[in-house]
Amino acid sequence: MKNLKTIKQDVYNYLHSFGEMTTKEKREYENLKLCEKYLETKPTEEFVKSEIERISGKINFILDSNNFKQWFNCHPEYRNDKNPQTIYRSEMGLGKFRRQLKTLNYIFNDTVQSATPSTK
């Protein structure tokens, strides 16, 4: 698991390696800052692991087609939209959960993992 000192060094290196940052570089910098703030709370390795499992479960729940069907049947106002699944994923907070999972995996595994959990 990464520690606060390592992340602070990554933030410093990232900030000083670019003149003017592109949008992607800014997003990566913001992710590093998010990791830094998270590690300032001094989470234990077990807690980070349990959070990864919890958030992976939420993502799998959102991506389950049966849950989308159930939501769709309860929201007739979206039947005429071109892509109601995009609205469903947005309302369920899928983007937020994927970002959290990416951040936690980066902290826990010392490498950036895919934001989508593997389906078993």
PDB file of N, CA and C in Angstrom:
ATOM      1  N   MET A   1       0.851  -1.182   0.000  1.00  0.00           N
ATOM      2  CA  MET A   1       0.000   0.000   0.000  1.00  0.00           C
ATOM      3  C   MET A   1       0.893   1.240   0.000  1.00  0.00           C
ATOM      4  N   LYS A   2       0.492   2.222  -0.797  1.00  0.00           N
ATOM      5  CA  LYS A   2       1.269   3.463  -0.850  1.00  0.00           C
ATOM      6  C   LYS A   2       1.104   4.230   0.452  1.00  0.00           C
ATOM      7  N   ASN A   3       2.098   5.054   0.765  1.00  0.00           N
ATOM      8  CA  ASN A   3       1.989   5.881   1.964  1.00  0.00           C
ATOM      9  C   ASN A   3       1.927   7.359   1.559  1.00  0.00           C
ATOM     10  N   LEU A   4       1.650   8.204   2.530  1.00  0.00           N
ATOM     11  CA  LEU A   4       1.465   9.630   2.280  1.00  0.00           C
ATOM     12  C   LEU A   4       2.720  10.266   1.688  1.00  0.00           C
ATOM     13  N   LYS A   5       3.880   9.873   2.165  1.00  0.00           N
ATOM     14  CA  LYS A   5       5.128  10.445   1.673  1.00  0.00           C
ATOM     15  C   LYS A   5       5.310  10.145   0.176  1.00  0.00           C
ATOM     16  N   THR A   6       5.014   8.925  -0.231  1.00  0.00           N
ATOM     17  CA  THR A   6       5.134   8.530  -1.633  1.00  0.00           C
ATOM     18  C   THR A   6       4.186   9.342  -2.521  1.00  0.00           C
ATOM     19  N   ILE A   7       2.953   9.500  -2.063  1.00  0.00           N
ATOM     20  CA  ILE A   7       1.965  10.250  -2.840  1.00  0.00           C
ATOM     21  C   ILE A   7       2.365  11.716  -2.943  1.00  0.00           C
ATOM     22  N   LYS A   8       2.839  12.295  -1.830  1.00  0.00           N
ATOM     23  CA  LYS A   8       3.276  13.696  -1.878  1.00  0.00           C
ATOM     24  C   LYS A   8       4.423  13.871  -2.861  1.00  0.00           C
ATOM     25  N   GLN A   9       5.334  12.913  -2.905  1.00  0.00           N
ATOM     26  CA  GLN A   9       6.437  12.965  -3.864  1.00  0.00           C
ATOM     27  C   GLN A   9       5.911  12.835  -5.294  1.00  0.00           C
ATOM     28  N   ASP A  10       4.918  11.952  -5.501  1.00  0.00           N
ATOM     29  CA  ASP A  10       4.300  11.812  -6.826  1.00  0.00           C
ATOM     30  C   ASP A  10       3.634  13.111  -7.262  1.00  0.00           C
ATOM     31  N   VAL A  11       2.935  13.764  -6.337  1.00  0.00           N
ATOM     32  CA  VAL A  11       2.271  15.041  -6.646  1.00  0.00           C
ATOM     33  C   VAL A  11       3.319  16.082  -7.029  1.00  0.00           C
ATOM     34  N   TYR A  12       4.391  16.163  -6.250  1.00  0.00           N
ATOM     35  CA  TYR A  12       5.457  17.128  -6.518  1.00  0.00           C
ATOM     36  C   TYR A  12       6.091  16.861  -7.886  1.00  0.00           C
ATOM     37  N   ASN A  13       6.430  15.612  -8.154  1.00  0.00           N
ATOM     38  CA  ASN A  13       7.043  15.256  -9.439  1.00  0.00           C
ATOM     39  C   ASN A  13       6.109  15.541 -10.604  1.00  0.00           C
ATOM     40  N   TYR A  14       4.836  15.210 -10.424  1.00  0.00           N
ATOM     41  CA  TYR A  14       3.857  15.417 -11.486  1.00  0.00           C
ATOM     42  C   TYR A  14       3.705  16.901 -11.781  1.00  0.00           C
ATOM     43  N   LEU A  15       3.651  17.690 -10.734  1.00  0.00           N
ATOM     44  CA  LEU A  15       3.465  19.128 -10.879  1.00  0.00           C
ATOM     45  C   LEU A  15       4.653  19.782 -11.574  1.00  0.00           C
ATOM     46  N   HIS A  16       5.853  19.294 -11.308  1.00  0.00           N
ATOM     47  CA  HIS A  16       7.051  19.912 -11.864  1.00  0.00           C
ATOM     48  C   HIS A  16       7.518  19.291 -13.179  1.00  0.00           C
ATOM     49  N   SER A  17       6.842  18.249 -13.636  1.00  0.00           N
ATOM     50  CA  SER A  17       7.253  17.614 -14.886  1.00  0.00           C
ATOM     51  C   SER A  17       6.551  18.203 -16.108  1.00  0.00           C
ATOM     52  N   PHE A  18       5.533  19.016 -15.895  1.00  0.00           N
ATOM     53  CA  PHE A  18       4.789  19.599 -17.010  1.00  0.00           C
ATOM     54  C   PHE A  18       4.825  21.115 -16.930  1.00  0.00           C
ATOM     55  N   GLY A  19       4.903  21.750 -18.100  1.00  0.00           N
ATOM     56  CA  GLY A  19       4.781  23.203 -18.147  1.00  0.00           C
ATOM     57  C   GLY A  19       3.307  23.547 -17.999  1.00  0.00           C
ATOM     58  N   GLU A  20       2.598  23.408 -19.104  1.00  0.00           N
ATOM     59  CA  GLU A  20       1.156  23.617 -19.074  1.00  0.00           C
ATOM     60  C   GLU A  20       0.490  22.263 -19.257  1.00  0.00           C
ATOM     61  N   MET A  21      -0.392  21.917 -18.351  1.00  0.00           N
ATOM     62  CA  MET A  21      -0.991  20.587 -18.353  1.00  0.00           C
ATOM     63  C   MET A  21      -2.176  20.506 -19.299  1.00  0.00           C
ATOM     64  N   THR A  22      -2.311  19.354 -19.940  1.00  0.00           N
ATOM     65  CA  THR A  22      -3.498  19.070 -20.747  1.00  0.00           C
ATOM     66  C   THR A  22      -4.629  18.692 -19.794  1.00  0.00           C
ATOM     67  N   THR A  23      -5.817  18.521 -20.331  1.00  0.00           N
ATOM     68  CA  THR A  23      -6.965  18.139 -19.507  1.00  0.00           C
ATOM     69  C   THR A  23      -6.732  16.799 -18.834  1.00  0.00           C
ATOM     70  N   LYS A  24      -6.173  15.843 -19.564  1.00  0.00           N
ATOM     71  CA  LYS A  24      -5.901  14.518 -18.990  1.00  0.00           C
ATOM     72  C   LYS A  24      -4.877  14.612 -17.864  1.00  0.00           C
ATOM     73  N   GLU A  25      -3.845  15.411 -18.063  1.00  0.00           N
ATOM     74  CA  GLU A  25      -2.821  15.578 -17.032  1.00  0.00           C
ATOM     75  C   GLU A  25      -3.388  16.260 -15.795  1.00  0.00           C
ATOM     76  N   LYS A  26      -4.280  17.230 -16.000  1.00  0.00           N
ATOM     77  CA  LYS A  26      -4.932  17.893 -14.861  1.00  0.00           C
ATOM     78  C   LYS A  26      -5.778  16.901 -14.076  1.00  0.00           C
ATOM     79  N   ARG A  27      -6.479  16.025 -14.803  1.00  0.00           N
ATOM     80  CA  ARG A  27      -7.319  15.030 -14.146  1.00  0.00           C
ATOM     81  C   ARG A  27      -6.462  14.064 -13.325  1.00  0.00           C
ATOM     82  N   GLU A  28      -5.326  13.641 -13.885  1.00  0.00           N
ATOM     83  CA  GLU A  28      -4.425  12.753 -13.142  1.00  0.00           C
ATOM     84  C   GLU A  28      -3.846  13.453 -11.916  1.00  0.00           C
ATOM     85  N   TYR A  29      -3.520  14.728 -12.065  1.00  0.00           N
ATOM     86  CA  TYR A  29      -3.011  15.508 -10.939  1.00  0.00           C
ATOM     87  C   TYR A  29      -4.077  15.593  -9.836  1.00  0.00           C
ATOM     88  N   GLU A  30      -5.329  15.835 -10.240  1.00  0.00           N
ATOM     89  CA  GLU A  30      -6.421  15.901  -9.265  1.00  0.00           C
ATOM     90  C   GLU A  30      -6.606  14.554  -8.565  1.00  0.00           C
ATOM     91  N   ASN A  31      -6.423  13.462  -9.305  1.00  0.00           N
ATOM     92  CA  ASN A  31      -6.522  12.138  -8.690  1.00  0.00           C
ATOM     93  C   ASN A  31      -5.415  11.927  -7.663  1.00  0.00           C
ATOM     94  N   LEU A  32      -4.211  12.390  -7.980  1.00  0.00           N
ATOM     95  CA  LEU A  32      -3.113  12.280  -7.010  1.00  0.00           C
ATOM     96  C   LEU A  32      -3.409  13.100  -5.755  1.00  0.00           C
ATOM     97  N   LYS A  33      -3.964  14.296  -5.935  1.00  0.00           N
ATOM     98  CA  LYS A  33      -4.326  15.128  -4.783  1.00  0.00           C
ATOM     99  C   LYS A  33      -5.412  14.442  -3.951  1.00  0.00           C
ATOM    100  N   LEU A  34      -6.341  13.776  -4.625  1.00  0.00           N
ATOM    101  CA  LEU A  34      -7.389  13.043  -3.927  1.00  0.00           C
ATOM    102  C   LEU A  34      -6.786  11.904  -3.107  1.00  0.00           C
ATOM    103  N   CYS A  35      -5.812  11.203  -3.686  1.00  0.00           N
ATOM    104  CA  CYS A  35      -5.108  10.140  -2.945  1.00  0.00           C
ATOM    105  C   CYS A  35      -4.405  10.718  -1.721  1.00  0.00           C
ATOM    106  N   GLU A  36      -3.788  11.865  -1.910  1.00  0.00           N
ATOM    107  CA  GLU A  36      -3.077  12.524  -0.802  1.00  0.00           C
ATOM    108  C   GLU A  36      -4.041  12.849   0.336  1.00  0.00           C
ATOM    109  N   LYS A  37      -5.185  13.427  -0.002  1.00  0.00           N
ATOM    110  CA  LYS A  37      -6.161  13.774   1.035  1.00  0.00           C
ATOM    111  C   LYS A  37      -6.693  12.522   1.731  1.00  0.00           C
ATOM    112  N   TYR A  38      -6.905  11.470   0.955  1.00  0.00           N
ATOM    113  CA  TYR A  38      -7.403  10.224   1.537  1.00  0.00           C
ATOM    114  C   TYR A  38      -6.391   9.635   2.516  1.00  0.00           C
ATOM    115  N   LEU A  39      -5.128   9.630   2.134  1.00  0.00           N
ATOM    116  CA  LEU A  39      -4.101   9.050   2.999  1.00  0.00           C
ATOM    117  C   LEU A  39      -3.827   9.895   4.238  1.00  0.00           C
ATOM    118  N   GLU A  40      -4.189  11.174   4.196  1.00  0.00           N
ATOM    119  CA  GLU A  40      -4.037  12.020   5.382  1.00  0.00           C
ATOM    120  C   GLU A  40      -4.956  11.561   6.512  1.00  0.00           C
ATOM    121  N   THR A  41      -6.012  10.806   6.176  1.00  0.00           N
ATOM    122  CA  THR A  41      -6.919  10.279   7.201  1.00  0.00           C
ATOM    123  C   THR A  41      -6.366   9.010   7.850  1.00  0.00           C
ATOM    124  N   LYS A  42      -5.221   8.537   7.377  1.00  0.00           N
ATOM    125  CA  LYS A  42      -4.518   7.362   7.911  1.00  0.00           C
ATOM    126  C   LYS A  42      -5.384   6.097   7.928  1.00  0.00           C
ATOM    127  N   PRO A  43      -5.909   5.699   6.756  1.00  0.00           N
ATOM    128  CA  PRO A  43      -6.703   4.471   6.728  1.00  0.00           C
ATOM    129  C   PRO A  43      -5.800   3.243   6.868  1.00  0.00           C
ATOM    130  N   THR A  44      -6.329   2.197   7.460  1.00  0.00           N
ATOM    131  CA  THR A  44      -5.567   0.959   7.566  1.00  0.00           C
ATOM    132  C   THR A  44      -5.679   0.190   6.252  1.00  0.00           C
ATOM    133  N   GLU A  45      -4.754  -0.729   6.054  1.00  0.00           N
ATOM    134  CA  GLU A  45      -4.767  -1.540   4.833  1.00  0.00           C
ATOM    135  C   GLU A  45      -6.051  -2.382   4.751  1.00  0.00           C
ATOM    136  N   GLU A  46      -6.502  -2.887   5.873  1.00  0.00           N
ATOM    137  CA  GLU A  46      -7.730  -3.682   5.909  1.00  0.00           C
ATOM    138  C   GLU A  46      -8.936  -2.840   5.519  1.00  0.00           C
ATOM    139  N   PHE A  47      -8.960  -1.586   5.982  1.00  0.00           N
ATOM    140  CA  PHE A  47     -10.073  -0.707   5.657  1.00  0.00           C
ATOM    141  C   PHE A  47     -10.101  -0.411   4.159  1.00  0.00           C
ATOM    142  N   VAL A  48      -8.948  -0.135   3.583  1.00  0.00           N
ATOM    143  CA  VAL A  48      -8.875   0.158   2.148  1.00  0.00           C
ATOM    144  C   VAL A  48      -9.350  -1.061   1.359  1.00  0.00           C
ATOM    145  N   LYS A  49      -8.910  -2.242   1.778  1.00  0.00           N
ATOM    146  CA  LYS A  49      -9.324  -3.478   1.100  1.00  0.00           C
ATOM    147  C   LYS A  49     -10.842  -3.673   1.197  1.00  0.00           C
ATOM    148  N   SER A  50     -11.407  -3.421   2.360  1.00  0.00           N
ATOM    149  CA  SER A  50     -12.854  -3.588   2.529  1.00  0.00           C
ATOM    150  C   SER A  50     -13.627  -2.551   1.715  1.00  0.00           C
ATOM    151  N   GLU A  51     -13.081  -1.340   1.589  1.00  0.00           N
ATOM    152  CA  GLU A  51     -13.725  -0.318   0.770  1.00  0.00           C
ATOM    153  C   GLU A  51     -13.697  -0.693  -0.712  1.00  0.00           C
ATOM    154  N   ILE A  52     -12.591  -1.281  -1.154  1.00  0.00           N
ATOM    155  CA  ILE A  52     -12.498  -1.740  -2.545  1.00  0.00           C
ATOM    156  C   ILE A  52     -13.573  -2.789  -2.812  1.00  0.00           C
ATOM    157  N   GLU A  53     -13.731  -3.723  -1.902  1.00  0.00           N
ATOM    158  CA  GLU A  53     -14.747  -4.767  -2.056  1.00  0.00           C
ATOM    159  C   GLU A  53     -16.158  -4.173  -2.029  1.00  0.00           C
ATOM    160  N   ARG A  54     -16.396  -3.239  -1.123  1.00  0.00           N
ATOM    161  CA  ARG A  54     -17.722  -2.626  -1.000  1.00  0.00           C
ATOM    162  C   ARG A  54     -18.085  -1.855  -2.262  1.00  0.00           C
ATOM    163  N   ILE A  55     -17.168  -1.050  -2.762  1.00  0.00           N
ATOM    164  CA  ILE A  55     -17.445  -0.233  -3.937  1.00  0.00           C
ATOM    165  C   ILE A  55     -17.546  -1.105  -5.189  1.00  0.00           C
ATOM    166  N   SER A  56     -16.738  -2.148  -5.278  1.00  0.00           N
ATOM    167  CA  SER A  56     -16.851  -3.090  -6.397  1.00  0.00           C
ATOM    168  C   SER A  56     -18.240  -3.724  -6.411  1.00  0.00           C
ATOM    169  N   GLY A  57     -18.742  -4.058  -5.232  1.00  0.00           N
ATOM    170  CA  GLY A  57     -20.092  -4.615  -5.123  1.00  0.00           C
ATOM    171  C   GLY A  57     -21.149  -3.640  -5.600  1.00  0.00           C
ATOM    172  N   LYS A  58     -21.002  -2.372  -5.247  1.00  0.00           N
ATOM    173  CA  LYS A  58     -21.957  -1.357  -5.694  1.00  0.00           C
ATOM    174  C   LYS A  58     -21.929  -1.202  -7.212  1.00  0.00           C
ATOM    175  N   ILE A  59     -20.719  -1.204  -7.790  1.00  0.00           N
ATOM    176  CA  ILE A  59     -20.594  -1.081  -9.240  1.00  0.00           C
ATOM    177  C   ILE A  59     -21.233  -2.278  -9.936  1.00  0.00           C
ATOM    178  N   ASN A  60     -20.963  -3.466  -9.424  1.00  0.00           N
ATOM    179  CA  ASN A  60     -21.577  -4.668 -10.006  1.00  0.00           C
ATOM    180  C   ASN A  60     -23.096  -4.622  -9.894  1.00  0.00           C
ATOM    181  N   PHE A  61     -23.608  -4.114  -8.780  1.00  0.00           N
ATOM    182  CA  PHE A  61     -25.045  -3.976  -8.598  1.00  0.00           C
ATOM    183  C   PHE A  61     -25.623  -3.026  -9.652  1.00  0.00           C
ATOM    184  N   ILE A  62     -24.968  -1.897  -9.870  1.00  0.00           N
ATOM    185  CA  ILE A  62     -25.451  -0.918 -10.848  1.00  0.00           C
ATOM    186  C   ILE A  62     -25.416  -1.506 -12.256  1.00  0.00           C
ATOM    187  N   LEU A  63     -24.370  -2.245 -12.578  1.00  0.00           N
ATOM    188  CA  LEU A  63     -24.212  -2.791 -13.925  1.00  0.00           C
ATOM    189  C   LEU A  63     -25.082  -4.024 -14.175  1.00  0.00           C
ATOM    190  N   ASP A  64     -25.688  -4.581 -13.150  1.00  0.00           N
ATOM    191  CA  ASP A  64     -26.565  -5.744 -13.309  1.00  0.00           C
ATOM    192  C   ASP A  64     -27.786  -5.347 -14.130  1.00  0.00           C
ATOM    193  N   SER A  65     -28.017  -6.046 -15.228  1.00  0.00           N
ATOM    194  CA  SER A  65     -29.107  -5.672 -16.132  1.00  0.00           C
ATOM    195  C   SER A  65     -30.480  -5.793 -15.485  1.00  0.00           C
ATOM    196  N   ASN A  66     -30.651  -6.706 -14.519  1.00  0.00           N
ATOM    197  CA  ASN A  66     -31.945  -6.839 -13.849  1.00  0.00           C
ATOM    198  C   ASN A  66     -32.275  -5.581 -13.044  1.00  0.00           C
ATOM    199  N   ASN A  67     -31.274  -4.973 -12.440  1.00  0.00           N
ATOM    200  CA  ASN A  67     -31.526  -3.754 -11.676  1.00  0.00           C
ATOM    201  C   ASN A  67     -31.900  -2.600 -12.598  1.00  0.00           C
ATOM    202  N   PHE A  68     -31.266  -2.544 -13.779  1.00  0.00           N
ATOM    203  CA  PHE A  68     -31.642  -1.518 -14.750  1.00  0.00           C
ATOM    204  C   PHE A  68     -33.085  -1.721 -15.201  1.00  0.00           C
ATOM    205  N   LYS A  69     -33.471  -2.946 -15.482  1.00  0.00           N
ATOM    206  CA  LYS A  69     -34.850  -3.230 -15.923  1.00  0.00           C
ATOM    207  C   LYS A  69     -35.855  -2.805 -14.867  1.00  0.00           C
ATOM    208  N   GLN A  70     -35.542  -3.113 -13.625  1.00  0.00           N
ATOM    209  CA  GLN A  70     -36.427  -2.736 -12.522  1.00  0.00           C
ATOM    210  C   GLN A  70     -36.549  -1.206 -12.437  1.00  0.00           C
ATOM    211  N   TRP A  71     -35.423  -0.503 -12.537  1.00  0.00           N
ATOM    212  CA  TRP A  71     -35.428   0.957 -12.501  1.00  0.00           C
ATOM    213  C   TRP A  71     -36.216   1.511 -13.677  1.00  0.00           C
ATOM    214  N   PHE A  72     -35.985   0.944 -14.862  1.00  0.00           N
ATOM    215  CA  PHE A  72     -36.638   1.409 -16.081  1.00  0.00           C
ATOM    216  C   PHE A  72     -38.154   1.266 -15.984  1.00  0.00           C
ATOM    217  N   ASN A  73     -38.621   0.165 -15.416  1.00  0.00           N
ATOM    218  CA  ASN A  73     -40.056  -0.044 -15.265  1.00  0.00           C
ATOM    219  C   ASN A  73     -40.687   0.948 -14.299  1.00  0.00           C
ATOM    220  N   CYS A  74     -39.912   1.463 -13.361  1.00  0.00           N
ATOM    221  CA  CYS A  74     -40.420   2.431 -12.380  1.00  0.00           C
ATOM    222  C   CYS A  74     -40.295   3.878 -12.863  1.00  0.00           C
ATOM    223  N   HIS A  75     -39.648   4.106 -14.010  1.00  0.00           N
ATOM    224  CA  HIS A  75     -39.446   5.456 -14.533  1.00  0.00           C
ATOM    225  C   HIS A  75     -39.940   5.560 -15.980  1.00  0.00           C
ATOM    226  N   PRO A  76     -41.253   5.610 -16.157  1.00  0.00           N
ATOM    227  CA  PRO A  76     -41.788   5.675 -17.527  1.00  0.00           C
ATOM    228  C   PRO A  76     -41.420   6.965 -18.261  1.00  0.00           C
ATOM    229  N   GLU A  77     -41.015   7.989 -17.535  1.00  0.00           N
ATOM    230  CA  GLU A  77     -40.656   9.263 -18.164  1.00  0.00           C
ATOM    231  C   GLU A  77     -39.415   9.154 -19.041  1.00  0.00           C
ATOM    232  N   TYR A  78     -38.639   8.083 -18.880  1.00  0.00           N
ATOM    233  CA  TYR A  78     -37.415   7.919 -19.666  1.00  0.00           C
ATOM    234  C   TYR A  78     -37.582   6.948 -20.838  1.00  0.00           C
ATOM    235  N   ARG A  79     -38.789   6.464 -21.064  1.00  0.00           N
ATOM    236  CA  ARG A  79     -38.998   5.461 -22.121  1.00  0.00           C
ATOM    237  C   ARG A  79     -38.706   6.003 -23.511  1.00  0.00           C
ATOM    238  N   ASN A  80     -38.883   7.282 -23.737  1.00  0.00           N
ATOM    239  CA  ASN A  80     -38.663   7.857 -25.063  1.00  0.00           C
ATOM    240  C   ASN A  80     -37.258   8.409 -25.258  1.00  0.00           C
ATOM    241  N   ASP A  81     -36.436   8.350 -24.245  1.00  0.00           N
ATOM    242  CA  ASP A  81     -35.053   8.835 -24.375  1.00  0.00           C
ATOM    243  C   ASP A  81     -34.242   7.875 -25.240  1.00  0.00           C
ATOM    244  N   LYS A  82     -33.213   8.428 -25.884  1.00  0.00           N
ATOM    245  CA  LYS A  82     -32.372   7.605 -26.759  1.00  0.00           C
ATOM    246  C   LYS A  82     -31.583   6.570 -25.969  1.00  0.00           C
ATOM    247  N   ASN A  83     -31.072   6.968 -24.809  1.00  0.00           N
ATOM    248  CA  ASN A  83     -30.269   6.036 -24.018  1.00  0.00           C
ATOM    249  C   ASN A  83     -30.619   6.165 -22.532  1.00  0.00           C
ATOM    250  N   PRO A  84     -31.684   5.501 -22.107  1.00  0.00           N
ATOM    251  CA  PRO A  84     -32.065   5.593 -20.694  1.00  0.00           C
ATOM    252  C   PRO A  84     -31.039   4.954 -19.755  1.00  0.00           C
ATOM    253  N   GLN A  85     -30.222   4.040 -20.279  1.00  0.00           N
ATOM    254  CA  GLN A  85     -29.222   3.404 -19.425  1.00  0.00           C
ATOM    255  C   GLN A  85     -28.172   4.414 -18.960  1.00  0.00           C
ATOM    256  N   THR A  86     -27.874   5.408 -19.795  1.00  0.00           N
ATOM    257  CA  THR A  86     -26.944   6.471 -19.399  1.00  0.00           C
ATOM    258  C   THR A  86     -27.527   7.274 -18.244  1.00  0.00           C
ATOM    259  N   ILE A  87     -28.806   7.557 -18.303  1.00  0.00           N
ATOM    260  CA  ILE A  87     -29.480   8.293 -17.226  1.00  0.00           C
ATOM    261  C   ILE A  87     -29.472   7.464 -15.948  1.00  0.00           C
ATOM    262  N   TYR A  88     -29.755   6.178 -16.075  1.00  0.00           N
ATOM    263  CA  TYR A  88     -29.751   5.260 -14.929  1.00  0.00           C
ATOM    264  C   TYR A  88     -28.380   5.250 -14.254  1.00  0.00           C
ATOM    265  N   ARG A  89     -27.326   5.087 -15.053  1.00  0.00           N
ATOM    266  CA  ARG A  89     -25.973   5.026 -14.489  1.00  0.00           C
ATOM    267  C   ARG A  89     -25.584   6.339 -13.827  1.00  0.00           C
ATOM    268  N   SER A  90     -26.033   7.438 -14.403  1.00  0.00           N
ATOM    269  CA  SER A  90     -25.748   8.746 -13.822  1.00  0.00           C
ATOM    270  C   SER A  90     -26.482   8.918 -12.494  1.00  0.00           C
ATOM    271  N   GLU A  91     -27.747   8.564 -12.470  1.00  0.00           N
ATOM    272  CA  GLU A  91     -28.533   8.682 -11.238  1.00  0.00           C
ATOM    273  C   GLU A  91     -28.006   7.774 -10.129  1.00  0.00           C
ATOM    274  N   MET A  92     -27.471   6.638 -10.516  1.00  0.00           N
ATOM    275  CA  MET A  92     -26.949   5.692  -9.529  1.00  0.00           C
ATOM    276  C   MET A  92     -25.538   6.056  -9.068  1.00  0.00           C
ATOM    277  N   GLY A  93     -24.902   7.034  -9.713  1.00  0.00           N
ATOM    278  CA  GLY A  93     -23.586   7.492  -9.290  1.00  0.00           C
ATOM    279  C   GLY A  93     -22.442   6.610  -9.750  1.00  0.00           C
ATOM    280  N   LEU A  94     -22.603   5.959 -10.899  1.00  0.00           N
ATOM    281  CA  LEU A  94     -21.583   5.028 -11.371  1.00  0.00           C
ATOM    282  C   LEU A  94     -20.230   5.700 -11.577  1.00  0.00           C
ATOM    283  N   GLY A  95     -20.223   6.890 -12.141  1.00  0.00           N
ATOM    284  CA  GLY A  95     -18.961   7.600 -12.373  1.00  0.00           C
ATOM    285  C   GLY A  95     -18.208   7.868 -11.081  1.00  0.00           C
ATOM    286  N   LYS A  96     -18.937   8.277 -10.059  1.00  0.00           N
ATOM    287  CA  LYS A  96     -18.325   8.554  -8.753  1.00  0.00           C
ATOM    288  C   LYS A  96     -17.718   7.285  -8.155  1.00  0.00           C
ATOM    289  N   PHE A  97     -18.459   6.177  -8.249  1.00  0.00           N
ATOM    290  CA  PHE A  97     -17.955   4.923  -7.696  1.00  0.00           C
ATOM    291  C   PHE A  97     -16.729   4.429  -8.458  1.00  0.00           C
ATOM    292  N   ARG A  98     -16.723   4.586  -9.773  1.00  0.00           N
ATOM    293  CA  ARG A  98     -15.563   4.167 -10.557  1.00  0.00           C
ATOM    294  C   ARG A  98     -14.327   4.985 -10.191  1.00  0.00           C
ATOM    295  N   ARG A  99     -14.520   6.279  -9.985  1.00  0.00           N
ATOM    296  CA  ARG A  99     -13.388   7.123  -9.598  1.00  0.00           C
ATOM    297  C   ARG A  99     -12.865   6.726  -8.215  1.00  0.00           C
ATOM    298  N   GLN A 100     -13.783   6.446  -7.285  1.00  0.00           N
ATOM    299  CA  GLN A 100     -13.376   6.004  -5.954  1.00  0.00           C
ATOM    300  C   GLN A 100     -12.588   4.700  -6.037  1.00  0.00           C
ATOM    301  N   LEU A 101     -13.077   3.771  -6.855  1.00  0.00           N
ATOM    302  CA  LEU A 101     -12.413   2.483  -6.984  1.00  0.00           C
ATOM    303  C   LEU A 101     -11.028   2.641  -7.602  1.00  0.00           C
ATOM    304  N   LYS A 102     -10.918   3.487  -8.590  1.00  0.00           N
ATOM    305  CA  LYS A 102      -9.619   3.732  -9.225  1.00  0.00           C
ATOM    306  C   LYS A 102      -8.640   4.312  -8.203  1.00  0.00           C
ATOM    307  N   THR A 103      -9.111   5.253  -7.406  1.00  0.00           N
ATOM    308  CA  THR A 103      -8.266   5.875  -6.383  1.00  0.00           C
ATOM    309  C   THR A 103      -7.828   4.857  -5.332  1.00  0.00           C
ATOM    310  N   LEU A 104      -8.764   4.068  -4.838  1.00  0.00           N
ATOM    311  CA  LEU A 104      -8.439   3.073  -3.816  1.00  0.00           C
ATOM    312  C   LEU A 104      -7.488   2.007  -4.359  1.00  0.00           C
ATOM    313  N   ASN A 105      -7.706   1.576  -5.594  1.00  0.00           N
ATOM    314  CA  ASN A 105      -6.801   0.595  -6.197  1.00  0.00           C
ATOM    315  C   ASN A 105      -5.409   1.175  -6.377  1.00  0.00           C
ATOM    316  N   TYR A 106      -5.323   2.431  -6.731  1.00  0.00           N
ATOM    317  CA  TYR A 106      -4.026   3.080  -6.885  1.00  0.00           C
ATOM    318  C   TYR A 106      -3.284   3.108  -5.551  1.00  0.00           C
ATOM    319  N   ILE A 107      -4.001   3.438  -4.503  1.00  0.00           N
ATOM    320  CA  ILE A 107      -3.403   3.490  -3.165  1.00  0.00           C
ATOM    321  C   ILE A 107      -3.008   2.087  -2.685  1.00  0.00           C
ATOM    322  N   PHE A 108      -3.887   1.132  -2.874  1.00  0.00           N
ATOM    323  CA  PHE A 108      -3.670  -0.201  -2.330  1.00  0.00           C
ATOM    324  C   PHE A 108      -2.653  -1.031  -3.117  1.00  0.00           C
ATOM    325  N   ASN A 109      -2.719  -0.976  -4.429  1.00  0.00           N
ATOM    326  CA  ASN A 109      -1.918  -1.873  -5.255  1.00  0.00           C
ATOM    327  C   ASN A 109      -0.642  -1.260  -5.804  1.00  0.00           C
ATOM    328  N   ASP A 110      -0.398   0.001  -5.558  1.00  0.00           N
ATOM    329  CA  ASP A 110       0.760   0.702  -6.116  1.00  0.00           C
ATOM    330  C   ASP A 110       0.715   0.793  -7.639  1.00  0.00           C
ATOM    331  N   THR A 111      -0.402   0.451  -8.235  1.00  0.00           N
ATOM    332  CA  THR A 111      -0.578   0.602  -9.681  1.00  0.00           C
ATOM    333  C   THR A 111      -2.002   1.043  -9.938  1.00  0.00           C
ATOM    334  N   VAL A 112      -2.228   1.687 -11.078  1.00  0.00           N
ATOM    335  CA  VAL A 112      -3.577   2.109 -11.435  1.00  0.00           C
ATOM    336  C   VAL A 112      -4.295   0.921 -12.053  1.00  0.00           C
ATOM    337  N   GLN A 113      -5.450   0.605 -11.501  1.00  0.00           N
ATOM    338  CA  GLN A 113      -6.260  -0.497 -11.999  1.00  0.00           C
ATOM    339  C   GLN A 113      -7.420   0.048 -12.818  1.00  0.00           C
ATOM    340  N   SER A 114      -8.027  -0.809 -13.557  1.00  0.00           N
ATOM    341  CA  SER A 114      -9.209  -0.430 -14.314  1.00  0.00           C
ATOM    342  C   SER A 114     -10.301   0.002 -13.347  1.00  0.00           C
ATOM    343  N   ALA A 115     -11.103   0.959 -13.776  1.00  0.00           N
ATOM    344  CA  ALA A 115     -12.171   1.466 -12.917  1.00  0.00           C
ATOM    345  C   ALA A 115     -13.364   0.528 -12.904  1.00  0.00           C
ATOM    346  N   THR A 116     -13.392  -0.466 -13.775  1.00  0.00           N
ATOM    347  CA  THR A 116     -14.474  -1.406 -13.818  1.00  0.00           C
ATOM    348  C   THR A 116     -14.011  -2.725 -13.207  1.00  0.00           C
ATOM    349  N   PRO A 117     -14.703  -3.214 -12.187  1.00  0.00           N
ATOM    350  CA  PRO A 117     -14.284  -4.462 -11.568  1.00  0.00           C
ATOM    351  C   PRO A 117     -14.507  -5.629 -12.506  1.00  0.00           C
ATOM    352  N   SER A 118     -13.733  -6.675 -12.319  1.00  0.00           N
ATOM    353  CA  SER A 118     -13.906  -7.852 -13.148  1.00  0.00           C
ATOM    354  C   SER A 118     -15.156  -8.577 -12.705  1.00  0.00           C
ATOM    355  N   THR A 119     -15.875  -9.133 -13.670  1.00  0.00           N
ATOM    356  CA  THR A 119     -17.082  -9.879 -13.343  1.00  0.00           C
ATOM    357  C   THR A 119     -16.718 -11.350 -13.287  1.00  0.00           C
ATOM    358  N   LYS A 120     -17.180 -12.011 -12.251  1.00  0.00           N
ATOM    359  CA  LYS A 120     -16.831 -13.419 -12.058  1.00  0.00           C
ATOM    360  C   LYS A 120     -17.992 -14.299 -12.403  1.00  0.00           C
TER     361      LYS A 120
END
